[in-house]
């Protein structure tokens, strides 16, 4: 036991002068793991030359030097073990010629940080990115706090999802086949489909637009024009929208899948882009979501912060009215 501690002892100012022959035991101080050093220390401070394996008792300076140099303990810890005053320990070590460590450096401390497993990056990618688990769920599976999961995501360069109610990945995704069978083939209304799939009308329509299904326009007042719209295709086919997207170099992303799959990285919003789409092109907030990948709530919050006016609620947007009338639109809309 004593030889093992002496062989692995770290000494801030150098090893024991009889390094390699020191058999003086170091008292147990809470399982402190100490390591080896390489500097030199005074030759006559510690006298554990292997003749007597037992440490001297009482206030013998050899015991104090042995604990300080070979054990790497601090003055406070030595005072606790020997029952002496901390100032007396310091004075005796200084008089014995023991080089003291800078004040506040303290003794050796155990290694508390546990290294990450070599495949932690792959595990986080599978659980967080592919399975779309939250940081709290990943932490529960790995036995680490959620804040540690977020720290490791940043460390390994894994893009973290935003938290809160505007999370794109947390939106409910309805099965495309079931949605097509009920809404497209059987002709059920969005409310009827929602009752069968246990979802709201808004969720049904949003999923239909995401998957590129032709959505019936409906409305309380019958209007002339097409009865169905493939919204994403209609947006890209509109001349005003096409001009605005080309002006701001916004990429075209075909329909098919939820918004976070179509836009893994959303298009950054700018005041000019939002003003062109909302006022010049006459599209709605949900239309901007389909074109940029930014959630509707994010677009609305950006407009409020940027001081962009919002149209009065109710009725169809200028884009939808223009599309139904088959007009190319007015650039001053």
C-alpha atoms as a PDB file:
ATOM      1  CA  UNK A   1       0.000   0.000   0.000  1.00  0.00           C
ATOM      2  CA  UNK A   2       2.705   2.459   1.053  1.00  0.00           C
ATOM      3  CA  UNK A   3       4.965   1.545  -1.866  1.00  0.00           C
ATOM      4  CA  UNK A   4       2.106   1.970  -4.321  1.00  0.00           C
ATOM      5  CA  UNK A   5       1.321   5.447  -3.022  1.00  0.00           C
ATOM      6  CA  UNK A   6       4.949   6.456  -2.999  1.00  0.00           C
ATOM      7  CA  UNK A   7       5.496   5.240  -6.557  1.00  0.00           C
ATOM      8  CA  UNK A   8       2.508   7.209  -7.862  1.00  0.00           C
ATOM      9  CA  UNK A   9       2.926  10.323  -5.708  1.00  0.00           C
ATOM     10  CA  UNK A  10       3.076  13.703  -7.381  1.00  0.00           C
ATOM     11  CA  UNK A  11       5.155  16.391  -5.770  1.00  0.00           C
ATOM     12  CA  UNK A  12       4.554  19.946  -6.888  1.00  0.00           C
ATOM     13  CA  UNK A  13       8.127  20.977  -5.953  1.00  0.00           C
ATOM     14  CA  UNK A  14       9.894  17.684  -6.565  1.00  0.00           C
ATOM     15  CA  UNK A  15       9.859  14.067  -5.364  1.00  0.00           C
ATOM     16  CA  UNK A  16      11.074  12.717  -2.065  1.00  0.00           C
ATOM     17  CA  UNK A  17      14.941  12.923  -1.847  1.00  0.00           C
ATOM     18  CA  UNK A  18      15.020   9.161  -1.438  1.00  0.00           C
ATOM     19  CA  UNK A  19      12.786   8.674  -4.464  1.00  0.00           C
ATOM     20  CA  UNK A  20      12.412   5.001  -5.305  1.00  0.00           C
ATOM     21  CA  UNK A  21      13.339   3.908  -1.743  1.00  0.00           C
ATOM     22  CA  UNK A  22      10.598   5.750   0.179  1.00  0.00           C
ATOM     23  CA  UNK A  23       8.542   3.278   2.224  1.00  0.00           C
ATOM     24  CA  UNK A  24       6.949   5.708   4.646  1.00  0.00           C
ATOM     25  CA  UNK A  25       3.172   5.231   4.393  1.00  0.00           C
ATOM     26  CA  UNK A  26       0.967   8.187   3.515  1.00  0.00           C
ATOM     27  CA  UNK A  27      -2.230   8.316   5.601  1.00  0.00           C
ATOM     28  CA  UNK A  28      -5.460   7.678   3.757  1.00  0.00           C
ATOM     29  CA  UNK A  29      -7.001  11.051   2.853  1.00  0.00           C
ATOM     30  CA  UNK A  30     -10.296  10.238   1.208  1.00  0.00           C
ATOM     31  CA  UNK A  31      -9.104   8.085  -1.678  1.00  0.00           C
ATOM     32  CA  UNK A  32      -7.032  10.873  -3.221  1.00  0.00           C
ATOM     33  CA  UNK A  33      -5.306   9.637  -6.344  1.00  0.00           C
ATOM     34  CA  UNK A  34      -1.855  11.208  -6.736  1.00  0.00           C
ATOM     35  CA  UNK A  35       0.574  11.003  -9.609  1.00  0.00           C
ATOM     36  CA  UNK A  36       4.309  11.105 -10.154  1.00  0.00           C
ATOM     37  CA  UNK A  37       6.409  14.244 -10.641  1.00  0.00           C
ATOM     38  CA  UNK A  38       9.938  14.910 -11.862  1.00  0.00           C
ATOM     39  CA  UNK A  39      11.412  17.968 -10.086  1.00  0.00           C
ATOM     40  CA  UNK A  40      14.074  17.911  -7.322  1.00  0.00           C
ATOM     41  CA  UNK A  41      13.572  18.729  -3.620  1.00  0.00           C
ATOM     42  CA  UNK A  42      15.857  19.244  -0.569  1.00  0.00           C
ATOM     43  CA  UNK A  43      17.816  16.132   0.298  1.00  0.00           C
ATOM     44  CA  UNK A  44      17.381  16.332   4.048  1.00  0.00           C
ATOM     45  CA  UNK A  45      13.730  17.347   4.403  1.00  0.00           C
ATOM     46  CA  UNK A  46      12.245  13.821   4.409  1.00  0.00           C
ATOM     47  CA  UNK A  47      14.272  11.006   6.037  1.00  0.00           C
ATOM     48  CA  UNK A  48      12.253   7.966   4.947  1.00  0.00           C
ATOM     49  CA  UNK A  49      15.201   5.944   3.586  1.00  0.00           C
ATOM     50  CA  UNK A  50      13.507   2.612   4.012  1.00  0.00           C
ATOM     51  CA  UNK A  51      15.028   1.735   7.398  1.00  0.00           C
ATOM     52  CA  UNK A  52      11.775   2.188   9.332  1.00  0.00           C
ATOM     53  CA  UNK A  53       8.505   1.808   7.356  1.00  0.00           C
ATOM     54  CA  UNK A  54       6.488   3.489  10.102  1.00  0.00           C
ATOM     55  CA  UNK A  55       6.256   7.318  10.022  1.00  0.00           C
ATOM     56  CA  UNK A  56       7.496   9.284  13.010  1.00  0.00           C
ATOM     57  CA  UNK A  57       4.783  10.348  15.414  1.00  0.00           C
ATOM     58  CA  UNK A  58       3.813  13.702  16.879  1.00  0.00           C
ATOM     59  CA  UNK A  59       5.111  16.911  15.381  1.00  0.00           C
ATOM     60  CA  UNK A  60       8.277  15.450  13.823  1.00  0.00           C
ATOM     61  CA  UNK A  61       9.173  17.587  10.815  1.00  0.00           C
ATOM     62  CA  UNK A  62      10.018  14.461   8.803  1.00  0.00           C
ATOM     63  CA  UNK A  63       6.356  13.419   8.921  1.00  0.00           C
ATOM     64  CA  UNK A  64       5.237  16.879   7.831  1.00  0.00           C
ATOM     65  CA  UNK A  65       7.749  16.955   4.978  1.00  0.00           C
ATOM     66  CA  UNK A  66       6.788  13.433   3.954  1.00  0.00           C
ATOM     67  CA  UNK A  67       3.083  14.297   3.758  1.00  0.00           C
ATOM     68  CA  UNK A  68       3.798  17.559   1.954  1.00  0.00           C
ATOM     69  CA  UNK A  69       6.389  16.282  -0.539  1.00  0.00           C
ATOM     70  CA  UNK A  70       5.645  12.594  -1.024  1.00  0.00           C
ATOM     71  CA  UNK A  71       1.894  12.745  -0.423  1.00  0.00           C
ATOM     72  CA  UNK A  72       1.363  16.078  -2.152  1.00  0.00           C
ATOM     73  CA  UNK A  73      -1.041  17.216   0.577  1.00  0.00           C
ATOM     74  CA  UNK A  74      -1.852  20.823   1.336  1.00  0.00           C
ATOM     75  CA  UNK A  75      -1.009  22.543   4.611  1.00  0.00           C
ATOM     76  CA  UNK A  76      -4.669  22.479   5.607  1.00  0.00           C
ATOM     77  CA  UNK A  77      -4.939  18.728   5.011  1.00  0.00           C
ATOM     78  CA  UNK A  78      -1.709  18.026   6.918  1.00  0.00           C
ATOM     79  CA  UNK A  79      -3.023  20.094   9.838  1.00  0.00           C
ATOM     80  CA  UNK A  80      -6.212  18.025   9.876  1.00  0.00           C
ATOM     81  CA  UNK A  81      -4.292  14.743   9.864  1.00  0.00           C
ATOM     82  CA  UNK A  82      -1.727  15.688  12.516  1.00  0.00           C
ATOM     83  CA  UNK A  83      -3.923  17.848  14.744  1.00  0.00           C
ATOM     84  CA  UNK A  84      -1.593  20.820  14.419  1.00  0.00           C
ATOM     85  CA  UNK A  85      -2.403  24.394  13.586  1.00  0.00           C
ATOM     86  CA  UNK A  86      -2.057  25.252   9.900  1.00  0.00           C
ATOM     87  CA  UNK A  87       0.299  28.143  10.645  1.00  0.00           C
ATOM     88  CA  UNK A  88       2.524  25.856  12.745  1.00  0.00           C
ATOM     89  CA  UNK A  89       2.720  23.341   9.879  1.00  0.00           C
ATOM     90  CA  UNK A  90       3.758  26.118   7.510  1.00  0.00           C
ATOM     91  CA  UNK A  91       6.433  27.452   9.889  1.00  0.00           C
ATOM     92  CA  UNK A  92       7.949  24.009  10.513  1.00  0.00           C
ATOM     93  CA  UNK A  93       8.113  23.222   6.797  1.00  0.00           C
ATOM     94  CA  UNK A  94       9.706  26.569   6.030  1.00  0.00           C
ATOM     95  CA  UNK A  95      12.312  26.142   8.806  1.00  0.00           C
ATOM     96  CA  UNK A  96      13.148  22.670   7.463  1.00  0.00           C
ATOM     97  CA  UNK A  97      13.931  24.160   4.064  1.00  0.00           C
ATOM     98  CA  UNK A  98      10.977  22.616   2.283  1.00  0.00           C
ATOM     99  CA  UNK A  99      10.078  24.736  -0.790  1.00  0.00           C
ATOM    100  CA  UNK A 100       6.447  25.673  -0.367  1.00  0.00           C
ATOM    101  CA  UNK A 101       4.017  25.817  -3.226  1.00  0.00           C
ATOM    102  CA  UNK A 102       2.479  29.187  -4.117  1.00  0.00           C
ATOM    103  CA  UNK A 103      -0.348  30.138  -1.812  1.00  0.00           C
ATOM    104  CA  UNK A 104      -3.674  28.939  -3.119  1.00  0.00           C
ATOM    105  CA  UNK A 105      -2.173  26.169  -5.256  1.00  0.00           C
ATOM    106  CA  UNK A 106      -3.280  23.550  -2.737  1.00  0.00           C
ATOM    107  CA  UNK A 107      -2.445  19.887  -2.906  1.00  0.00           C
ATOM    108  CA  UNK A 108      -3.103  17.401  -5.656  1.00  0.00           C
ATOM    109  CA  UNK A 109      -6.710  16.808  -6.566  1.00  0.00           C
ATOM    110  CA  UNK A 110      -8.341  13.695  -7.957  1.00  0.00           C
ATOM    111  CA  UNK A 111      -9.225  13.506 -11.604  1.00  0.00           C
ATOM    112  CA  UNK A 112     -12.986  14.061 -11.532  1.00  0.00           C
ATOM    113  CA  UNK A 113     -13.645  14.532 -15.255  1.00  0.00           C
ATOM    114  CA  UNK A 114     -14.458  11.262 -16.922  1.00  0.00           C
ATOM    115  CA  UNK A 115     -13.395  10.935 -20.521  1.00  0.00           C
ATOM    116  CA  UNK A 116     -16.053  10.589 -23.200  1.00  0.00           C
ATOM    117  CA  UNK A 117     -16.518   7.214 -24.884  1.00  0.00           C
ATOM    118  CA  UNK A 118     -14.795   7.064 -28.276  1.00  0.00           C
ATOM    119  CA  UNK A 119     -18.118   6.643 -30.125  1.00  0.00           C
ATOM    120  CA  UNK A 120     -20.101   9.308 -28.252  1.00  0.00           C
ATOM    121  CA  UNK A 121     -20.409  11.494 -31.360  1.00  0.00           C
ATOM    122  CA  UNK A 122     -22.020   8.643 -33.305  1.00  0.00           C
ATOM    123  CA  UNK A 123     -24.376   7.855 -30.424  1.00  0.00           C
ATOM    124  CA  UNK A 124     -25.504  11.483 -30.147  1.00  0.00           C
ATOM    125  CA  UNK A 125     -25.998  11.719 -33.911  1.00  0.00           C
ATOM    126  CA  UNK A 126     -28.196   8.634 -33.925  1.00  0.00           C
ATOM    127  CA  UNK A 127     -30.305   9.574 -30.906  1.00  0.00           C
ATOM    128  CA  UNK A 128     -30.529  13.343 -31.352  1.00  0.00           C
ATOM    129  CA  UNK A 129     -30.402  13.809 -35.125  1.00  0.00           C
ATOM    130  CA  UNK A 130     -31.855  10.631 -36.600  1.00  0.00           C
ATOM    131  CA  UNK A 131     -34.318   9.610 -33.864  1.00  0.00           C
ATOM    132  CA  UNK A 132     -35.111  13.257 -32.974  1.00  0.00           C
ATOM    133  CA  UNK A 133     -34.963  12.683 -29.212  1.00  0.00           C
ATOM    134  CA  UNK A 134     -34.709  15.703 -26.949  1.00  0.00           C
ATOM    135  CA  UNK A 135     -31.554  16.459 -24.973  1.00  0.00           C
ATOM    136  CA  UNK A 136     -33.373  15.398 -21.791  1.00  0.00           C
ATOM    137  CA  UNK A 137     -34.352  12.054 -23.341  1.00  0.00           C
ATOM    138  CA  UNK A 138     -30.815  11.478 -24.621  1.00  0.00           C
ATOM    139  CA  UNK A 139     -29.429  12.330 -21.185  1.00  0.00           C
ATOM    140  CA  UNK A 140     -31.814   9.877 -19.506  1.00  0.00           C
ATOM    141  CA  UNK A 141     -30.657   7.104 -21.830  1.00  0.00           C
ATOM    142  CA  UNK A 142     -26.944   7.871 -21.356  1.00  0.00           C
ATOM    143  CA  UNK A 143     -27.159   8.696 -17.648  1.00  0.00           C
ATOM    144  CA  UNK A 144     -25.893  12.275 -17.973  1.00  0.00           C
ATOM    145  CA  UNK A 145     -27.609  15.670 -17.454  1.00  0.00           C
ATOM    146  CA  UNK A 146     -29.340  17.369 -20.367  1.00  0.00           C
ATOM    147  CA  UNK A 147     -26.936  20.338 -20.138  1.00  0.00           C
ATOM    148  CA  UNK A 148     -24.026  17.900 -20.626  1.00  0.00           C
ATOM    149  CA  UNK A 149     -25.729  16.552 -23.737  1.00  0.00           C
ATOM    150  CA  UNK A 150     -26.035  20.081 -25.157  1.00  0.00           C
ATOM    151  CA  UNK A 151     -22.385  20.754 -24.290  1.00  0.00           C
ATOM    152  CA  UNK A 152     -21.280  17.605 -26.134  1.00  0.00           C
ATOM    153  CA  UNK A 153     -23.426  18.548 -29.132  1.00  0.00           C
ATOM    154  CA  UNK A 154     -21.516  21.827 -29.398  1.00  0.00           C
ATOM    155  CA  UNK A 155     -18.197  20.071 -28.829  1.00  0.00           C
ATOM    156  CA  UNK A 156     -18.755  17.576 -31.655  1.00  0.00           C
ATOM    157  CA  UNK A 157     -20.242  20.126 -34.053  1.00  0.00           C
ATOM    158  CA  UNK A 158     -23.773  18.670 -34.054  1.00  0.00           C
ATOM    159  CA  UNK A 159     -26.336  21.343 -34.840  1.00  0.00           C
ATOM    160  CA  UNK A 160     -28.803  21.626 -31.952  1.00  0.00           C
ATOM    161  CA  UNK A 161     -32.495  22.192 -32.501  1.00  0.00           C
ATOM    162  CA  UNK A 162     -34.210  25.262 -31.053  1.00  0.00           C
ATOM    163  CA  UNK A 163     -36.147  24.718 -27.855  1.00  0.00           C
ATOM    164  CA  UNK A 164     -39.692  25.823 -27.107  1.00  0.00           C
ATOM    165  CA  UNK A 165     -43.045  25.864 -28.868  1.00  0.00           C
ATOM    166  CA  UNK A 166     -41.589  26.896 -32.246  1.00  0.00           C
ATOM    167  CA  UNK A 167     -39.654  23.650 -32.649  1.00  0.00           C
ATOM    168  CA  UNK A 168     -40.060  22.448 -36.231  1.00  0.00           C
ATOM    169  CA  UNK A 169     -39.064  18.857 -35.475  1.00  0.00           C
ATOM    170  CA  UNK A 170     -41.670  18.526 -32.719  1.00  0.00           C
ATOM    171  CA  UNK A 171     -44.552  19.069 -35.110  1.00  0.00           C
ATOM    172  CA  UNK A 172     -46.797  16.112 -35.603  1.00  0.00           C
ATOM    173  CA  UNK A 173     -46.309  14.342 -38.922  1.00  0.00           C
ATOM    174  CA  UNK A 174     -49.291  12.373 -40.261  1.00  0.00           C
ATOM    175  CA  UNK A 175     -48.739   9.224 -42.361  1.00  0.00           C
ATOM    176  CA  UNK A 176     -48.721  10.318 -46.024  1.00  0.00           C
ATOM    177  CA  UNK A 177     -50.491   7.175 -47.222  1.00  0.00           C
ATOM    178  CA  UNK A 178     -53.334   7.519 -44.714  1.00  0.00           C
ATOM    179  CA  UNK A 179     -53.622  11.224 -45.488  1.00  0.00           C
ATOM    180  CA  UNK A 180     -53.880  10.564 -49.219  1.00  0.00           C
ATOM    181  CA  UNK A 181     -56.412   7.747 -48.765  1.00  0.00           C
ATOM    182  CA  UNK A 182     -58.735   9.787 -46.547  1.00  0.00           C
ATOM    183  CA  UNK A 183     -58.327  13.277 -47.981  1.00  0.00           C
ATOM    184  CA  UNK A 184     -57.355  12.691 -51.600  1.00  0.00           C
ATOM    185  CA  UNK A 185     -59.045   9.437 -52.568  1.00  0.00           C
ATOM    186  CA  UNK A 186     -62.109   9.327 -50.280  1.00  0.00           C
ATOM    187  CA  UNK A 187     -62.653  13.087 -50.439  1.00  0.00           C
ATOM    188  CA  UNK A 188     -63.165  13.591 -46.710  1.00  0.00           C
ATOM    189  CA  UNK A 189     -62.925  17.105 -45.332  1.00  0.00           C
ATOM    190  CA  UNK A 190     -59.972  18.220 -43.255  1.00  0.00           C
ATOM    191  CA  UNK A 191     -62.160  18.119 -40.139  1.00  0.00           C
ATOM    192  CA  UNK A 192     -63.265  14.539 -40.873  1.00  0.00           C
ATOM    193  CA  UNK A 193     -59.705  13.440 -41.542  1.00  0.00           C
ATOM    194  CA  UNK A 194     -58.612  15.065 -38.292  1.00  0.00           C
ATOM    195  CA  UNK A 195     -61.244  13.167 -36.322  1.00  0.00           C
ATOM    196  CA  UNK A 196     -60.108   9.854 -37.834  1.00  0.00           C
ATOM    197  CA  UNK A 197     -56.384  10.557 -37.280  1.00  0.00           C
ATOM    198  CA  UNK A 198     -56.894  12.321 -33.937  1.00  0.00           C
ATOM    199  CA  UNK A 199     -55.464  15.589 -35.226  1.00  0.00           C
ATOM    200  CA  UNK A 200     -56.681  19.126 -35.698  1.00  0.00           C
ATOM    201  CA  UNK A 201     -57.787  20.565 -39.018  1.00  0.00           C
ATOM    202  CA  UNK A 202     -54.723  22.797 -39.090  1.00  0.00           C
ATOM    203  CA  UNK A 203     -52.382  19.820 -38.679  1.00  0.00           C
ATOM    204  CA  UNK A 204     -54.150  17.963 -41.503  1.00  0.00           C
ATOM    205  CA  UNK A 205     -53.878  20.869 -43.944  1.00  0.00           C
ATOM    206  CA  UNK A 206     -50.273  21.636 -43.032  1.00  0.00           C
ATOM    207  CA  UNK A 207     -49.267  18.019 -43.627  1.00  0.00           C
ATOM    208  CA  UNK A 208     -51.138  17.983 -46.924  1.00  0.00           C
ATOM    209  CA  UNK A 209     -49.237  21.051 -48.115  1.00  0.00           C
ATOM    210  CA  UNK A 210     -45.935  19.645 -46.849  1.00  0.00           C
ATOM    211  CA  UNK A 211     -46.422  16.422 -48.822  1.00  0.00           C
ATOM    212  CA  UNK A 212     -47.517  18.254 -51.968  1.00  0.00           C
ATOM    213  CA  UNK A 213     -51.127  17.028 -51.959  1.00  0.00           C
ATOM    214  CA  UNK A 214     -53.757  19.033 -53.810  1.00  0.00           C
ATOM    215  CA  UNK A 215     -55.703  20.846 -51.082  1.00  0.00           C
ATOM    216  CA  UNK A 216     -59.296  21.915 -51.712  1.00  0.00           C
ATOM    217  CA  UNK A 217     -59.690  25.634 -51.240  1.00  0.00           C
ATOM    218  CA  UNK A 218     -63.154  25.479 -49.645  1.00  0.00           C
ATOM    219  CA  UNK A 219     -64.621  28.631 -48.173  1.00  0.00           C
ATOM    220  CA  UNK A 220     -68.052  29.764 -47.048  1.00  0.00           C
ATOM    221  CA  UNK A 221     -68.740  31.716 -50.232  1.00  0.00           C
ATOM    222  CA  UNK A 222     -68.423  29.810 -53.554  1.00  0.00           C
ATOM    223  CA  UNK A 223     -65.864  31.393 -55.857  1.00  0.00           C
ATOM    224  CA  UNK A 224     -64.975  30.780 -59.455  1.00  0.00           C
ATOM    225  CA  UNK A 225     -61.629  29.285 -60.329  1.00  0.00           C
ATOM    226  CA  UNK A 226     -59.743  26.079 -59.457  1.00  0.00           C
ATOM    227  CA  UNK A 227     -61.147  24.058 -56.577  1.00  0.00           C
ATOM    228  CA  UNK A 228     -57.803  22.564 -55.547  1.00  0.00           C
ATOM    229  CA  UNK A 229     -54.305  23.934 -55.079  1.00  0.00           C
ATOM    230  CA  UNK A 230     -50.879  22.355 -54.776  1.00  0.00           C
ATOM    231  CA  UNK A 231     -49.628  25.250 -52.720  1.00  0.00           C
ATOM    232  CA  UNK A 232     -45.858  24.834 -53.006  1.00  0.00           C
ATOM    233  CA  UNK A 233     -46.010  24.375 -56.785  1.00  0.00           C
ATOM    234  CA  UNK A 234     -48.344  27.370 -57.084  1.00  0.00           C
ATOM    235  CA  UNK A 235     -45.996  29.552 -55.042  1.00  0.00           C
ATOM    236  CA  UNK A 236     -42.982  28.723 -57.191  1.00  0.00           C
ATOM    237  CA  UNK A 237     -45.028  29.229 -60.379  1.00  0.00           C
ATOM    238  CA  UNK A 238     -46.143  32.725 -59.376  1.00  0.00           C
ATOM    239  CA  UNK A 239     -44.123  35.372 -61.308  1.00  0.00           C
ATOM    240  CA  UNK A 240     -43.893  37.802 -58.399  1.00  0.00           C
ATOM    241  CA  UNK A 241     -42.777  35.120 -55.957  1.00  0.00           C
ATOM    242  CA  UNK A 242     -40.310  33.770 -58.512  1.00  0.00           C
ATOM    243  CA  UNK A 243     -38.793  37.243 -58.976  1.00  0.00           C
ATOM    244  CA  UNK A 244     -38.485  37.813 -55.214  1.00  0.00           C
ATOM    245  CA  UNK A 245     -36.836  34.432 -54.638  1.00  0.00           C
ATOM    246  CA  UNK A 246     -34.359  35.031 -57.448  1.00  0.00           C
ATOM    247  CA  UNK A 247     -33.587  38.520 -56.135  1.00  0.00           C
ATOM    248  CA  UNK A 248     -32.716  37.211 -52.648  1.00  0.00           C
ATOM    249  CA  UNK A 249     -31.144  33.952 -53.907  1.00  0.00           C
ATOM    250  CA  UNK A 250     -33.588  31.746 -52.008  1.00  0.00           C
ATOM    251  CA  UNK A 251     -33.284  28.123 -53.205  1.00  0.00           C
ATOM    252  CA  UNK A 252     -36.284  26.204 -54.544  1.00  0.00           C
ATOM    253  CA  UNK A 253     -37.099  23.073 -52.552  1.00  0.00           C
ATOM    254  CA  UNK A 254     -39.655  20.645 -53.945  1.00  0.00           C
ATOM    255  CA  UNK A 255     -42.581  19.451 -51.860  1.00  0.00           C
ATOM    256  CA  UNK A 256     -42.390  16.158 -50.032  1.00  0.00           C
ATOM    257  CA  UNK A 257     -41.938  15.716 -46.292  1.00  0.00           C
ATOM    258  CA  UNK A 258     -42.165  17.951 -43.215  1.00  0.00           C
ATOM    259  CA  UNK A 259     -40.576  21.361 -43.163  1.00  0.00           C
ATOM    260  CA  UNK A 260     -37.476  20.315 -41.209  1.00  0.00           C
ATOM    261  CA  UNK A 261     -36.670  17.702 -43.854  1.00  0.00           C
ATOM    262  CA  UNK A 262     -37.211  20.093 -46.750  1.00  0.00           C
ATOM    263  CA  UNK A 263     -35.081  22.762 -45.059  1.00  0.00           C
ATOM    264  CA  UNK A 264     -32.503  21.193 -42.693  1.00  0.00           C
ATOM    265  CA  UNK A 265     -31.102  24.726 -42.351  1.00  0.00           C
ATOM    266  CA  UNK A 266     -33.817  27.418 -42.702  1.00  0.00           C
ATOM    267  CA  UNK A 267     -33.267  30.375 -44.983  1.00  0.00           C
ATOM    268  CA  UNK A 268     -32.179  33.404 -42.884  1.00  0.00           C
ATOM    269  CA  UNK A 269     -34.826  36.114 -42.729  1.00  0.00           C
ATOM    270  CA  UNK A 270     -34.098  39.705 -43.653  1.00  0.00           C
ATOM    271  CA  UNK A 271     -36.332  42.749 -43.577  1.00  0.00           C
ATOM    272  CA  UNK A 272     -36.198  43.217 -47.346  1.00  0.00           C
ATOM    273  CA  UNK A 273     -36.967  39.546 -48.043  1.00  0.00           C
ATOM    274  CA  UNK A 274     -39.980  39.468 -45.723  1.00  0.00           C
ATOM    275  CA  UNK A 275     -41.315  42.778 -47.011  1.00  0.00           C
ATOM    276  CA  UNK A 276     -40.996  41.630 -50.637  1.00  0.00           C
ATOM    277  CA  UNK A 277     -42.760  38.324 -50.004  1.00  0.00           C
ATOM    278  CA  UNK A 278     -45.447  39.658 -47.657  1.00  0.00           C
ATOM    279  CA  UNK A 279     -46.336  43.014 -49.243  1.00  0.00           C
ATOM    280  CA  UNK A 280     -45.044  42.971 -52.822  1.00  0.00           C
ATOM    281  CA  UNK A 281     -45.966  39.331 -53.530  1.00  0.00           C
ATOM    282  CA  UNK A 282     -48.975  39.226 -51.173  1.00  0.00           C
ATOM    283  CA  UNK A 283     -48.222  35.838 -49.618  1.00  0.00           C
ATOM    284  CA  UNK A 284     -49.155  34.861 -46.061  1.00  0.00           C
ATOM    285  CA  UNK A 285     -47.004  33.863 -43.097  1.00  0.00           C
ATOM    286  CA  UNK A 286     -47.566  30.168 -43.767  1.00  0.00           C
ATOM    287  CA  UNK A 287     -46.536  30.699 -47.393  1.00  0.00           C
ATOM    288  CA  UNK A 288     -43.268  32.273 -46.203  1.00  0.00           C
ATOM    289  CA  UNK A 289     -42.744  29.195 -44.047  1.00  0.00           C
ATOM    290  CA  UNK A 290     -43.116  26.945 -47.074  1.00  0.00           C
ATOM    291  CA  UNK A 291     -40.640  29.083 -49.032  1.00  0.00           C
ATOM    292  CA  UNK A 292     -37.963  29.598 -46.353  1.00  0.00           C
ATOM    293  CA  UNK A 293     -38.348  26.805 -43.799  1.00  0.00           C
ATOM    294  CA  UNK A 294     -38.830  29.328 -40.993  1.00  0.00           C
ATOM    295  CA  UNK A 295     -41.848  28.497 -38.760  1.00  0.00           C
ATOM    296  CA  UNK A 296     -44.881  30.738 -39.038  1.00  0.00           C
ATOM    297  CA  UNK A 297     -44.422  31.928 -35.444  1.00  0.00           C
ATOM    298  CA  UNK A 298     -40.812  32.856 -36.179  1.00  0.00           C
ATOM    299  CA  UNK A 299     -41.842  34.871 -39.234  1.00  0.00           C
ATOM    300  CA  UNK A 300     -44.524  36.705 -37.242  1.00  0.00           C
ATOM    301  CA  UNK A 301     -42.121  37.465 -34.409  1.00  0.00           C
ATOM    302  CA  UNK A 302     -39.520  38.759 -36.875  1.00  0.00           C
ATOM    303  CA  UNK A 303     -42.092  41.081 -38.455  1.00  0.00           C
ATOM    304  CA  UNK A 304     -43.079  42.505 -35.075  1.00  0.00           C
ATOM    305  CA  UNK A 305     -39.477  43.130 -34.091  1.00  0.00           C
ATOM    306  CA  UNK A 306     -38.654  44.666 -37.477  1.00  0.00           C
ATOM    307  CA  UNK A 307     -41.721  46.909 -37.397  1.00  0.00           C
ATOM    308  CA  UNK A 308     -43.267  45.395 -40.535  1.00  0.00           C
ATOM    309  CA  UNK A 309     -47.019  46.048 -40.685  1.00  0.00           C
ATOM    310  CA  UNK A 310     -49.396  43.086 -40.865  1.00  0.00           C
ATOM    311  CA  UNK A 311     -52.552  42.943 -42.968  1.00  0.00           C
ATOM    312  CA  UNK A 312     -55.951  42.833 -41.301  1.00  0.00           C
ATOM    313  CA  UNK A 313     -56.969  39.258 -40.452  1.00  0.00           C
ATOM    314  CA  UNK A 314     -59.634  37.453 -42.423  1.00  0.00           C
ATOM    315  CA  UNK A 315     -60.132  36.646 -46.068  1.00  0.00           C
ATOM    316  CA  UNK A 316     -57.711  35.230 -48.574  1.00  0.00           C
ATOM    317  CA  UNK A 317     -54.264  36.645 -49.193  1.00  0.00           C
ATOM    318  CA  UNK A 318     -53.577  38.678 -52.372  1.00  0.00           C
ATOM    319  CA  UNK A 319     -51.549  35.731 -53.665  1.00  0.00           C
ATOM    320  CA  UNK A 320     -54.471  33.306 -53.345  1.00  0.00           C
ATOM    321  CA  UNK A 321     -56.896  35.760 -54.927  1.00  0.00           C
ATOM    322  CA  UNK A 322     -54.440  36.299 -57.757  1.00  0.00           C
ATOM    323  CA  UNK A 323     -53.962  32.585 -58.206  1.00  0.00           C
ATOM    324  CA  UNK A 324     -57.698  31.861 -58.267  1.00  0.00           C
ATOM    325  CA  UNK A 325     -58.321  34.592 -60.820  1.00  0.00           C
ATOM    326  CA  UNK A 326     -55.539  33.214 -63.007  1.00  0.00           C
ATOM    327  CA  UNK A 327     -53.906  36.644 -63.059  1.00  0.00           C
ATOM    328  CA  UNK A 328     -50.178  37.326 -63.149  1.00  0.00           C
ATOM    329  CA  UNK A 329     -50.660  39.915 -60.421  1.00  0.00           C
ATOM    330  CA  UNK A 330     -49.894  43.527 -59.864  1.00  0.00           C
ATOM    331  CA  UNK A 331     -46.381  44.457 -58.697  1.00  0.00           C
ATOM    332  CA  UNK A 332     -47.931  47.092 -56.416  1.00  0.00           C
ATOM    333  CA  UNK A 333     -50.011  44.580 -54.387  1.00  0.00           C
END
